[in-house]
Amino acid sequence: MEGSRTKTQQGGGKTTRSVTIDPEMEALFDALPESKGGTPARVFTPEEDALLLKYWPVKNKEQMAKLLKCHPNTARKRYKELTEG
């Protein structure tokens, strides 16, 4: 492929292989905006903390997270922070 560049890729230091990247595709990726570093941390209110402490052990986790407008894993992580430190 004329005009394409070859990049060397290392897979965990175990193997090395050459991969040809299409210049047009590379230009599209180069034009993408920089990553913002992930989703900002969810800040729970004191009321939400109290609800988590009271109901997390005994109520449906998915439904609780839905009411708190967050992912169940986010609610679970916050509950663990409140109870385990």
Protein backbone atom coordinates (compact mmCIF):
# COMPACT_ATOMS: atom_id res chain seq x y z
CA MET A 1 0.00 0.00 0.00
CA GLU A 2 1.67 3.17 -1.18
CA GLY A 3 1.98 6.00 1.33
CA SER A 4 1.13 3.87 4.33
CA ARG A 5 3.33 3.83 7.40
CA THR A 6 4.43 0.83 9.40
CA LYS A 7 4.20 0.93 13.17
CA THR A 8 5.99 -1.46 15.49
CA GLN A 9 3.76 -2.86 18.20
CA GLN A 10 4.87 -4.67 21.34
CA GLY A 11 2.40 -6.99 23.00
CA GLY A 12 3.40 -7.02 26.65
CA GLY A 13 7.08 -7.26 25.78
CA LYS A 14 6.68 -10.84 24.58
CA THR A 15 6.38 -10.39 20.84
CA THR A 16 6.97 -7.64 18.34
CA ARG A 17 5.12 -7.32 15.07
CA SER A 18 4.81 -4.73 12.34
CA VAL A 19 1.37 -3.41 11.49
CA THR A 20 0.62 -1.27 8.45
CA ILE A 21 -1.71 1.63 9.21
CA ASP A 22 -3.72 3.26 6.45
CA PRO A 23 -2.77 6.97 6.38
CA GLU A 24 -6.39 8.08 5.96
CA MET A 25 -7.50 6.05 8.98
CA GLU A 26 -4.55 7.33 11.00
CA ALA A 27 -5.48 10.92 10.12
CA LEU A 28 -9.02 10.31 11.35
CA PHE A 29 -7.72 8.98 14.67
CA ASP A 30 -5.22 11.84 14.99
CA ALA A 31 -8.09 14.31 14.58
CA LEU A 32 -10.06 12.86 17.53
CA PRO A 33 -10.16 15.04 20.69
CA GLU A 34 -7.94 14.06 23.61
CA SER A 35 -9.37 11.86 26.34
CA LYS A 36 -10.76 13.63 29.38
CA GLY A 37 -9.55 10.87 31.68
CA GLY A 38 -12.82 9.09 32.42
CA THR A 39 -16.04 9.97 34.17
CA PRO A 40 -15.85 12.37 37.10
CA ALA A 41 -16.44 10.78 40.49
CA ARG A 42 -20.06 10.72 41.69
CA VAL A 43 -20.61 12.85 44.79
CA PHE A 44 -23.25 11.44 47.12
CA THR A 45 -25.28 13.71 49.37
CA PRO A 46 -25.60 13.02 53.13
CA GLU A 47 -29.22 11.96 52.48
CA GLU A 48 -28.13 9.47 49.80
CA ASP A 49 -25.48 8.10 52.16
CA ALA A 50 -28.11 7.61 54.86
CA LEU A 51 -30.43 5.83 52.41
CA LEU A 52 -27.60 3.55 51.29
CA LEU A 53 -26.66 2.69 54.87
CA LYS A 54 -30.26 1.94 55.83
CA TYR A 55 -31.51 0.07 52.75
CA TRP A 56 -28.53 -1.40 50.83
CA PRO A 57 -28.40 -4.61 52.90
CA VAL A 58 -32.11 -5.37 52.54
CA LYS A 59 -33.45 -3.89 49.27
CA ASN A 60 -32.99 -4.60 45.56
CA LYS A 61 -29.64 -3.11 44.57
CA GLU A 62 -30.51 -2.38 40.94
CA GLN A 63 -33.72 -0.55 41.90
CA MET A 64 -31.93 1.45 44.58
CA ALA A 65 -29.23 2.51 42.11
CA LYS A 66 -31.93 3.53 39.64
CA LEU A 67 -33.55 5.78 42.27
CA LEU A 68 -30.13 7.25 43.08
CA LYS A 69 -29.53 7.79 39.34
CA CYS A 70 -26.27 5.88 39.26
CA HIS A 71 -24.93 2.47 38.23
CA PRO A 72 -25.31 -0.36 40.78
CA ASN A 73 -21.51 -0.68 40.93
CA THR A 74 -21.23 2.99 41.89
CA ALA A 75 -23.76 2.56 44.69
CA ARG A 76 -22.05 -0.65 45.85
CA LYS A 77 -18.68 1.09 45.95
CA ARG A 78 -20.11 3.98 47.98
CA TYR A 79 -21.79 1.58 50.41
CA LYS A 80 -18.46 -0.21 50.93
CA GLU A 81 -16.69 3.14 51.47
CA LEU A 82 -19.25 4.04 54.14
CA THR A 83 -19.14 0.69 55.94
CA GLU A 84 -15.57 -0.53 55.47
CA GLY A 85 -13.72 2.76 55.37
